Amino acid sequence: MELNSVFLVISIDMNLINTFLSDAFDEAGESEGARSRPKLTPPNTPPKPSRGLVSPKKMPRIPATPHQPSSDIFWSREFVDEWNDEHSPRKQLFPDATKRSPEKHSPEKKKASTKTATDRESKKAFEQAKHDTAEKFLGELDTVITGGKLSELAASTGGIKLKWTNKLNTTAGRANWKRETIRSSHKRGDPAAGGAAAGGATAPDGTTTVVQHNHYASIELAEKVIDDEHRLLNVMAHEFCHLANFMVSGITKNPHGKEFKAWAAKCSRAFGDRGIEVTTKHSYDIDFKYVWQCTACSLEFKRHSKSIDPGRHRCGSCKSELRQIKPAPRAASAKPSEYQAFMKVQMKLMKEENPKSPQKDIMKLVASKWAQKGGGAAAAASGRSVSPADSGNSSSGGFRDVSKDLENLVAIEDD
């Protein structure tokens, strides 16, 4: 029993010694590691996320000064005032002017009107110079492309003619050519035969047959399609290539064949610096004067004249109604008032009953009838001011008001 007690005491003492030695070893190791490692600044606490949206009108807070309460400058009133003045947010004396929406900004309308006016002036200048421009360019084409051959062939019929027409609605131009062959016989000794013998055949009896070809050539230009100089020059070049194909190459069956393309390539090379490119088809956007649009499928119907009546015509695709979008239709005239309708009828009757009476007497009669009918009460009920003429007063001021009303009846009087 005593031996067990001694052994227990010894074991407890050994445990205490081991614990003391391990703690001492840890402190020594920590102190050495602390001396060898540099001191690090602990990381800052991450900022807390905002709980909600920050109001744009809320000013930012003034930051705290870098000084601690233990410093004298921390308690200096002058320093605190300077710090607050420097870091206080600047207040705006006047609010920003509200900007208008781009869709409602007026300068855009002015730009559109200026562009329209410029286009109108350009079109007017082109209309004045288009005839001279076409004639001059036709001469250049004949000289450069065919060496004057077309003018020589058409000289007997007055040369190549240019015709401006309003019959072409969707075609920019058209080339017309016709060759007339004339055969004439001359006997030997005839002065005409001597001059034409080189170009004719002589029969055994001495009769000479002369064959003469007359070329009728013209170019039609569409007034409704050609609206600028660039389009005019390209159309002229295209139609000139057709005439060269007819008169020089002798091709009449295939108007856009390889011969035409050869003339077109030559023309494009010669006048390419002026923006001329001859193709087999014209692809111009025609500026139609009138445009209607389907209210259901938005299909557009374009015309040079006002040939579509929305009351009678419908969309050919979906059978829906049509509405005019170019030019914008004018608003319907307002329905004439009771007074205007009365004046229209009575003025006509009074003129028939009193053909020799002057206008002022007829106006007096009509005014008195309107007063007898109770027009003054009706006008007062409708909110219109009652003139002296309406109440039966025959003063000049009252009839002057009636005359003003009569001027408004000119548009609705019968012919």
Protein backbone atom coordinates (compact mmCIF):
# COMPACT_ATOMS: atom_id res chain seq x y z
CA MET A 1 0.00 0.00 0.00
CA GLU A 2 2.79 2.43 0.82
CA LEU A 3 4.69 1.47 -2.37
CA ASN A 4 1.74 2.35 -4.55
CA SER A 5 1.43 5.76 -2.97
CA VAL A 6 5.08 6.53 -3.59
CA PHE A 7 4.84 5.50 -7.21
CA LEU A 8 1.82 7.70 -7.78
CA VAL A 9 3.56 10.75 -6.30
CA ILE A 10 6.64 10.16 -8.42
CA SER A 11 4.60 9.88 -11.62
CA ILE A 12 2.73 13.11 -10.88
CA ASP A 13 5.99 14.92 -10.26
CA MET A 14 7.42 13.67 -13.57
CA ASN A 15 4.36 14.93 -15.45
CA LEU A 16 4.77 18.37 -13.93
CA ILE A 17 8.43 18.43 -14.93
CA ASN A 18 7.66 17.46 -18.54
CA THR A 19 4.93 20.10 -18.82
CA PHE A 20 7.28 22.79 -17.48
CA LEU A 21 10.06 21.83 -19.89
CA SER A 22 7.75 21.84 -22.95
CA ASP A 23 6.35 25.28 -22.07
CA ALA A 24 9.83 26.67 -21.66
CA PHE A 25 10.91 25.20 -24.99
CA ASP A 26 7.88 26.71 -26.79
CA GLU A 27 8.55 30.17 -25.34
CA ALA A 28 12.20 30.00 -26.37
CA GLY A 29 11.32 28.92 -29.92
CA GLU A 30 8.64 31.60 -30.25
CA SER A 31 11.02 34.30 -29.09
CA GLU A 32 13.67 33.25 -31.59
CA GLY A 33 11.12 33.10 -34.44
CA ALA A 34 9.76 36.49 -33.49
CA ARG A 35 13.23 37.96 -33.68
CA SER A 36 13.90 36.42 -37.11
CA ARG A 37 10.50 37.35 -38.74
CA PRO A 38 9.64 41.00 -39.56
CA LYS A 39 6.55 42.50 -37.99
CA LEU A 40 3.57 42.56 -40.35
CA THR A 41 0.67 45.01 -40.27
CA PRO A 42 -2.60 43.17 -39.73
CA PRO A 43 -5.04 43.45 -42.64
CA ASN A 44 -7.74 46.08 -42.51
CA THR A 45 -11.27 45.09 -41.80
CA PRO A 46 -13.14 44.81 -45.12
CA PRO A 47 -15.74 47.55 -45.58
CA LYS A 48 -19.30 46.60 -44.96
CA PRO A 49 -21.43 46.47 -48.08
CA SER A 50 -24.06 49.14 -48.48
CA ARG A 51 -27.47 48.07 -47.27
CA GLY A 52 -29.24 49.90 -50.09
CA LEU A 53 -28.94 52.42 -52.88
CA VAL A 54 -27.17 55.67 -52.07
CA SER A 55 -29.16 58.77 -52.86
CA PRO A 56 -27.47 60.95 -55.52
CA LYS A 57 -28.42 64.03 -53.48
CA LYS A 58 -26.62 62.76 -50.35
CA MET A 59 -23.24 64.44 -49.94
CA PRO A 60 -20.16 62.37 -48.94
CA ARG A 61 -18.99 62.57 -45.32
CA ILE A 62 -15.98 64.64 -44.26
CA PRO A 63 -13.07 62.26 -43.54
CA ALA A 64 -11.49 62.17 -40.08
CA THR A 65 -8.19 63.94 -39.45
CA PRO A 66 -5.02 61.83 -39.35
CA HIS A 67 -4.13 63.10 -35.84
CA GLN A 68 -4.91 61.33 -32.59
CA PRO A 69 -6.52 62.89 -29.49
CA SER A 70 -3.16 62.74 -27.75
CA SER A 71 -1.81 65.34 -30.20
CA ASP A 72 -2.31 69.06 -29.55
CA ILE A 73 -3.17 69.80 -33.16
CA PHE A 74 -6.13 67.44 -32.87
CA TRP A 75 -7.74 69.98 -30.51
CA SER A 76 -6.75 73.05 -32.55
CA ARG A 77 -9.85 74.95 -33.71
CA GLU A 78 -8.07 76.61 -36.65
CA PHE A 79 -6.81 73.27 -37.97
CA VAL A 80 -10.26 71.71 -37.70
CA ASP A 81 -11.85 74.63 -39.58
CA GLU A 82 -9.27 74.43 -42.38
CA TRP A 83 -9.72 70.66 -42.60
CA ASN A 84 -13.50 70.97 -42.88
CA ASP A 85 -13.25 73.72 -45.53
CA GLU A 86 -10.86 71.64 -47.62
CA HIS A 87 -12.82 68.38 -47.48
CA SER A 88 -16.39 69.64 -47.41
CA PRO A 89 -18.35 68.81 -50.62
CA ARG A 90 -19.03 71.82 -52.81
CA LYS A 91 -22.67 72.83 -52.90
CA GLN A 92 -24.17 73.83 -56.26
CA LEU A 93 -25.64 77.32 -56.32
CA PHE A 94 -27.98 76.63 -59.26
CA PRO A 95 -29.38 73.26 -60.41
CA ASP A 96 -28.36 71.84 -63.76
CA ALA A 97 -30.62 72.80 -66.64
CA THR A 98 -32.75 69.88 -67.72
CA LYS A 99 -31.81 68.62 -71.17
CA ARG A 100 -34.51 67.97 -73.68
CA SER A 101 -35.08 64.68 -75.31
CA PRO A 102 -33.26 64.33 -78.66
CA GLU A 103 -36.54 63.41 -80.35
CA LYS A 104 -38.07 66.76 -79.41
CA HIS A 105 -35.05 68.93 -80.10
CA SER A 106 -35.92 71.71 -82.52
CA PRO A 107 -32.54 72.01 -84.38
CA GLU A 108 -33.24 68.65 -86.06
CA LYS A 109 -36.32 70.13 -87.72
CA LYS A 110 -34.30 73.12 -88.88
CA LYS A 111 -31.71 70.82 -90.43
CA ALA A 112 -34.41 68.91 -92.27
CA SER A 113 -35.95 72.11 -93.60
CA THR A 114 -32.53 73.40 -94.64
CA LYS A 115 -31.83 70.15 -96.48
CA THR A 116 -35.19 70.34 -98.21
CA ALA A 117 -34.51 73.91 -99.29
CA THR A 118 -31.08 72.94 -100.59
CA ASP A 119 -32.51 70.01 -102.55
CA ARG A 120 -35.16 72.28 -103.98
CA GLU A 121 -32.56 74.80 -105.16
CA SER A 122 -30.39 72.05 -106.68
CA LYS A 123 -33.35 70.58 -108.52
CA LYS A 124 -34.33 73.99 -109.84
CA ALA A 125 -30.81 74.64 -111.11
CA PHE A 126 -30.75 71.22 -112.79
CA GLU A 127 -34.08 71.86 -114.52
CA GLN A 128 -32.68 75.03 -116.04
CA ALA A 129 -29.44 73.46 -117.28
CA LYS A 130 -30.45 69.89 -118.18
CA HIS A 131 -31.17 70.56 -121.88
CA ASP A 132 -27.79 72.20 -122.53
CA THR A 133 -26.00 69.54 -120.47
CA ALA A 134 -27.59 66.73 -122.47
CA GLU A 135 -26.77 68.30 -125.86
CA LYS A 136 -23.17 68.97 -124.87
CA PHE A 137 -22.59 65.48 -123.49
CA LEU A 138 -24.10 63.88 -126.59
CA GLY A 139 -21.48 65.63 -128.70
CA GLU A 140 -18.72 64.42 -126.38
CA LEU A 141 -19.97 60.83 -126.58
CA ASP A 142 -20.07 60.86 -130.37
CA THR A 143 -16.60 62.37 -130.68
CA VAL A 144 -14.84 60.17 -128.11
CA ILE A 145 -16.64 56.84 -128.53
CA THR A 146 -17.46 56.59 -132.26
CA GLY A 147 -15.24 59.31 -133.73
CA GLY A 148 -18.26 61.25 -135.01
CA LYS A 149 -19.70 58.26 -136.87
CA LEU A 150 -23.25 58.58 -135.50
CA SER A 151 -23.53 62.26 -136.41
CA GLU A 152 -22.30 61.45 -139.90
CA LEU A 153 -24.85 58.66 -140.40
CA ALA A 154 -27.75 60.75 -139.07
CA ALA A 155 -26.74 63.97 -140.82
CA SER A 156 -29.26 63.49 -143.66
CA THR A 157 -32.16 63.43 -141.14
CA GLY A 158 -31.02 66.28 -138.92
CA GLY A 159 -28.72 64.41 -136.56
CA ILE A 160 -29.51 62.66 -133.27
CA LYS A 161 -32.47 64.29 -131.56
CA LEU A 162 -33.01 64.52 -127.81
CA LYS A 163 -36.61 64.43 -126.57
CA TRP A 164 -37.68 65.10 -123.00
CA THR A 165 -40.96 63.36 -122.25
CA ASN A 166 -43.29 62.88 -119.29
CA LYS A 167 -44.77 59.67 -120.71
CA LEU A 168 -42.02 57.46 -119.29
CA ASN A 169 -42.96 56.70 -115.69
CA THR A 170 -40.53 53.95 -114.67
CA THR A 171 -37.97 53.98 -117.52
CA ALA A 172 -35.17 56.54 -117.39
CA GLY A 173 -34.55 56.66 -121.13
CA ARG A 174 -35.17 55.01 -124.46
CA ALA A 175 -33.17 54.88 -127.72
CA ASN A 176 -35.11 54.94 -130.99
CA TRP A 177 -33.58 54.14 -134.36
CA LYS A 178 -34.98 53.53 -137.80
CA ARG A 179 -33.18 53.08 -141.10
CA GLU A 180 -34.83 54.13 -144.34
CA THR A 181 -33.48 52.72 -147.63
CA ILE A 182 -34.01 54.73 -150.83
CA ARG A 183 -33.15 53.29 -154.24
CA SER A 184 -33.05 55.61 -157.24
CA SER A 185 -32.20 54.88 -160.91
CA HIS A 186 -30.43 57.34 -163.17
CA LYS A 187 -29.71 57.05 -166.90
CA ARG A 188 -26.36 57.64 -168.45
CA GLY A 189 -25.68 61.31 -168.86
CA ASP A 190 -27.90 62.33 -165.96
CA PRO A 191 -25.99 64.77 -163.69
CA ALA A 192 -27.37 63.01 -160.59
CA ALA A 193 -26.01 59.69 -161.78
CA GLY A 194 -22.51 61.06 -162.14
CA GLY A 195 -22.42 62.26 -158.57
CA ALA A 196 -23.81 59.02 -157.18
CA ALA A 197 -22.20 56.54 -159.57
CA ALA A 198 -19.54 55.64 -157.04
CA GLY A 199 -22.16 54.37 -154.62
CA GLY A 200 -24.45 52.57 -157.09
CA ALA A 201 -24.54 49.69 -159.55
CA THR A 202 -24.66 50.23 -163.35
CA ALA A 203 -26.91 48.03 -165.50
CA PRO A 204 -25.97 46.89 -169.07
CA ASP A 205 -28.25 49.52 -170.53
CA GLY A 206 -26.31 52.22 -168.73
CA THR A 207 -28.84 52.79 -165.94
CA THR A 208 -27.28 53.41 -162.53
CA THR A 209 -29.10 52.38 -159.33
CA VAL A 210 -28.16 54.39 -156.25
CA VAL A 211 -28.96 53.08 -152.75
CA GLN A 212 -29.17 55.63 -149.93
CA HIS A 213 -29.71 54.91 -146.22
CA ASN A 214 -31.31 57.50 -143.97
CA HIS A 215 -30.85 56.95 -140.23
CA TYR A 216 -33.48 58.38 -137.88
CA ALA A 217 -32.03 58.37 -134.37
CA SER A 218 -33.40 59.88 -131.18
CA ILE A 219 -33.02 59.50 -127.43
CA GLU A 220 -36.01 59.92 -125.12
CA LEU A 221 -35.31 61.13 -121.59
CA ALA A 222 -37.83 60.76 -118.76
CA GLU A 223 -38.55 63.99 -116.92
CA LYS A 224 -40.13 62.10 -114.01
CA VAL A 225 -37.12 59.84 -113.42
CA ILE A 226 -34.05 61.93 -114.31
CA ASP A 227 -33.74 64.51 -111.55
CA ASP A 228 -29.98 65.17 -111.28
CA GLU A 229 -26.94 65.53 -113.51
CA HIS A 230 -25.29 62.24 -112.48
CA ARG A 231 -28.36 60.28 -113.48
CA LEU A 232 -28.69 62.25 -116.72
CA LEU A 233 -25.13 61.50 -117.84
CA ASN A 234 -25.44 57.78 -117.07
CA VAL A 235 -28.74 57.49 -118.94
CA MET A 236 -27.31 59.37 -121.91
CA ALA A 237 -24.29 57.05 -122.04
CA HIS A 238 -26.50 53.95 -121.84
CA GLU A 239 -28.81 55.04 -124.65
CA PHE A 240 -25.88 56.20 -126.80
CA CYS A 241 -24.41 52.69 -126.59
CA HIS A 242 -27.72 51.37 -127.94
CA LEU A 243 -27.54 53.72 -130.93
CA ALA A 244 -23.92 52.73 -131.58
CA ASN A 245 -24.95 49.08 -131.41
CA PHE A 246 -27.76 49.70 -133.92
CA MET A 247 -26.07 52.04 -136.38
CA VAL A 248 -22.40 51.02 -136.30
CA SER A 249 -22.44 47.36 -135.25
CA GLY A 250 -25.71 46.59 -137.06
CA ILE A 251 -27.11 44.55 -134.13
CA THR A 252 -30.88 44.86 -133.79
CA LYS A 253 -31.96 41.50 -132.33
CA ASN A 254 -29.94 41.37 -129.10
CA PRO A 255 -29.88 44.87 -127.60
CA HIS A 256 -27.83 43.92 -124.50
CA GLY A 257 -25.51 41.37 -126.08
CA LYS A 258 -21.73 41.26 -126.20
CA GLU A 259 -21.54 44.08 -128.75
CA PHE A 260 -23.50 46.39 -126.45
CA LYS A 261 -21.30 45.41 -123.50
CA ALA A 262 -18.21 46.25 -125.57
CA TRP A 263 -19.57 49.76 -126.26
CA ALA A 264 -20.53 50.08 -122.58
CA ALA A 265 -17.03 49.12 -121.40
CA LYS A 266 -15.46 51.63 -123.78
CA CYS A 267 -17.78 54.36 -122.56
CA SER A 268 -17.13 53.54 -118.90
CA ARG A 269 -13.37 53.70 -119.43
CA ALA A 270 -13.54 57.01 -121.26
CA PHE A 271 -15.83 58.80 -118.78
CA GLY A 272 -15.25 56.85 -115.58
CA ASP A 273 -13.67 59.87 -113.90
CA ARG A 274 -17.07 61.59 -114.12
CA GLY A 275 -18.86 58.77 -112.33
CA ILE A 276 -20.27 57.13 -115.45
CA GLU A 277 -20.75 53.37 -115.40
CA VAL A 278 -22.86 51.85 -118.16
CA THR A 279 -24.74 48.71 -117.12
CA THR A 280 -27.43 46.65 -118.81
CA LYS A 281 -30.21 47.99 -116.57
CA HIS A 282 -31.09 51.20 -114.78
CA SER A 283 -31.52 50.82 -111.01
CA TYR A 284 -32.71 54.24 -109.93
CA ASP A 285 -34.96 55.08 -107.01
CA ILE A 286 -37.79 57.02 -108.60
CA ASP A 287 -39.17 59.93 -106.62
CA PHE A 288 -42.91 59.40 -107.01
CA LYS A 289 -45.13 62.35 -106.19
CA TYR A 290 -47.92 60.32 -104.54
CA VAL A 291 -47.58 57.30 -102.23
CA TRP A 292 -50.31 55.24 -100.56
CA GLN A 293 -49.72 52.58 -97.91
CA CYS A 294 -51.81 49.61 -96.83
CA THR A 295 -53.03 49.93 -93.25
CA ALA A 296 -52.55 46.19 -92.60
CA CYS A 297 -49.50 44.90 -94.50
CA SER A 298 -47.76 48.30 -95.10
CA LEU A 299 -47.45 47.63 -98.84
CA GLU A 300 -46.78 50.88 -100.70
CA PHE A 301 -48.39 51.99 -103.96
CA LYS A 302 -46.48 54.74 -105.78
CA ARG A 303 -47.88 56.91 -108.56
CA HIS A 304 -46.89 60.05 -110.45
CA SER A 305 -50.50 61.28 -110.38
CA LYS A 306 -53.33 61.08 -107.87
CA SER A 307 -54.89 58.04 -109.53
CA ILE A 308 -55.77 56.03 -106.39
CA ASP A 309 -58.97 56.72 -104.46
CA PRO A 310 -58.86 55.16 -100.95
CA GLY A 311 -62.64 55.16 -100.93
CA ARG A 312 -62.80 52.88 -103.99
CA HIS A 313 -59.49 51.02 -104.08
CA ARG A 314 -58.10 48.39 -101.70
CA CYS A 315 -54.79 46.60 -101.23
CA GLY A 316 -54.39 43.85 -103.82
CA SER A 317 -52.56 41.62 -101.35
CA CYS A 318 -54.72 41.67 -98.21
CA LYS A 319 -57.77 43.68 -99.36
CA SER A 320 -57.29 46.22 -96.55
CA GLU A 321 -57.80 49.96 -96.75
CA LEU A 322 -55.21 52.37 -98.13
CA ARG A 323 -54.08 55.67 -96.68
CA GLN A 324 -52.11 58.40 -98.38
CA ILE A 325 -48.70 59.11 -96.84
CA LYS A 326 -47.13 61.34 -99.50
CA PRO A 327 -47.94 64.14 -99.61
CA ALA A 328 -49.70 64.17 -96.26
CA PRO A 329 -53.41 64.79 -96.94
CA ARG A 330 -54.87 68.03 -95.72
CA ALA A 331 -57.33 68.01 -92.87
CA ALA A 332 -60.97 68.01 -93.90
CA SER A 333 -62.67 71.39 -93.72
CA ALA A 334 -64.89 72.00 -90.71
CA LYS A 335 -68.65 71.71 -91.10
CA PRO A 336 -70.28 75.13 -91.65
CA SER A 337 -72.14 76.55 -88.68
CA GLU A 338 -75.87 77.22 -88.60
CA TYR A 339 -75.26 80.92 -89.20
CA GLN A 340 -73.04 80.25 -92.24
CA ALA A 341 -75.57 77.83 -93.71
CA PHE A 342 -78.36 80.39 -93.18
CA MET A 343 -76.33 83.16 -94.83
CA LYS A 344 -75.47 80.94 -97.79
CA VAL A 345 -79.11 80.16 -98.55
CA GLN A 346 -80.57 83.59 -97.81
CA MET A 347 -77.94 85.53 -99.74
CA LYS A 348 -78.78 83.55 -102.85
CA LEU A 349 -82.53 84.07 -102.36
CA MET A 350 -82.22 87.78 -101.67
CA LYS A 351 -80.10 88.30 -104.76
CA GLU A 352 -82.74 86.55 -106.88
CA GLU A 353 -85.62 88.53 -105.32
CA ASN A 354 -83.80 91.87 -105.45
CA PRO A 355 -81.52 91.72 -108.48
CA LYS A 356 -81.01 95.49 -108.63
CA SER A 357 -80.41 96.07 -104.93
CA PRO A 358 -76.87 96.88 -103.81
CA GLN A 359 -74.90 94.51 -101.65
CA LYS A 360 -75.34 96.51 -98.44
CA ASP A 361 -79.17 96.42 -98.73
CA ILE A 362 -79.13 92.67 -99.29
CA MET A 363 -76.93 92.28 -96.22
CA LYS A 364 -79.47 94.30 -94.16
CA LEU A 365 -82.31 92.07 -95.28
CA VAL A 366 -80.40 88.90 -94.47
CA ALA A 367 -79.38 90.27 -91.06
CA SER A 368 -82.99 91.18 -90.20
CA LYS A 369 -84.16 87.69 -91.18
CA TRP A 370 -81.50 86.13 -88.98
CA ALA A 371 -82.66 88.30 -86.07
CA GLN A 372 -86.31 87.35 -86.66
CA LYS A 373 -85.37 83.70 -86.72
CA GLY A 374 -83.87 84.03 -83.27
CA GLY A 375 -80.30 83.68 -84.36
CA GLY A 376 -79.15 85.93 -81.55
CA ALA A 377 -80.51 83.58 -78.92
CA ALA A 378 -79.05 80.57 -80.69
CA ALA A 379 -75.67 82.25 -80.92
CA ALA A 380 -75.76 83.19 -77.25
CA ALA A 381 -76.64 79.61 -76.32
CA SER A 382 -73.71 78.33 -78.37
CA GLY A 383 -71.29 80.73 -76.72
CA ARG A 384 -70.75 82.98 -79.77
CA SER A 385 -70.77 86.74 -79.25
CA VAL A 386 -73.89 88.41 -80.69
CA SER A 387 -73.15 91.24 -83.08
CA PRO A 388 -75.38 94.33 -83.31
CA ALA A 389 -76.60 93.12 -86.69
CA ASP A 390 -77.80 89.86 -85.09
CA SER A 391 -79.95 91.75 -82.55
CA GLY A 392 -81.62 93.90 -85.23
CA ASN A 393 -79.37 96.92 -84.86
CA SER A 394 -78.72 98.50 -88.25
CA SER A 395 -75.60 100.40 -87.24
CA SER A 396 -72.57 100.35 -89.47
CA GLY A 397 -70.56 98.37 -86.91
CA GLY A 398 -73.08 95.54 -86.96
CA PHE A 399 -73.11 95.27 -90.73
CA ARG A 400 -69.32 95.43 -90.75
CA ASP A 401 -69.34 92.27 -88.63
CA VAL A 402 -71.82 90.68 -91.02
CA SER A 403 -69.59 91.56 -93.95
CA LYS A 404 -66.68 89.83 -92.23
CA ASP A 405 -68.80 86.72 -91.85
CA LEU A 406 -69.80 86.93 -95.50
CA GLU A 407 -66.15 86.88 -96.53
CA ASN A 408 -65.90 83.47 -94.91
CA LEU A 409 -68.74 82.20 -97.11
CA VAL A 410 -66.88 82.63 -100.38
CA ALA A 411 -65.51 79.10 -100.22
CA ILE A 412 -68.94 77.48 -99.79
CA GLU A 413 -71.07 79.59 -102.16
CA ASP A 414 -72.55 77.82 -105.14
CA ASP A 415 -71.13 78.61 -108.54
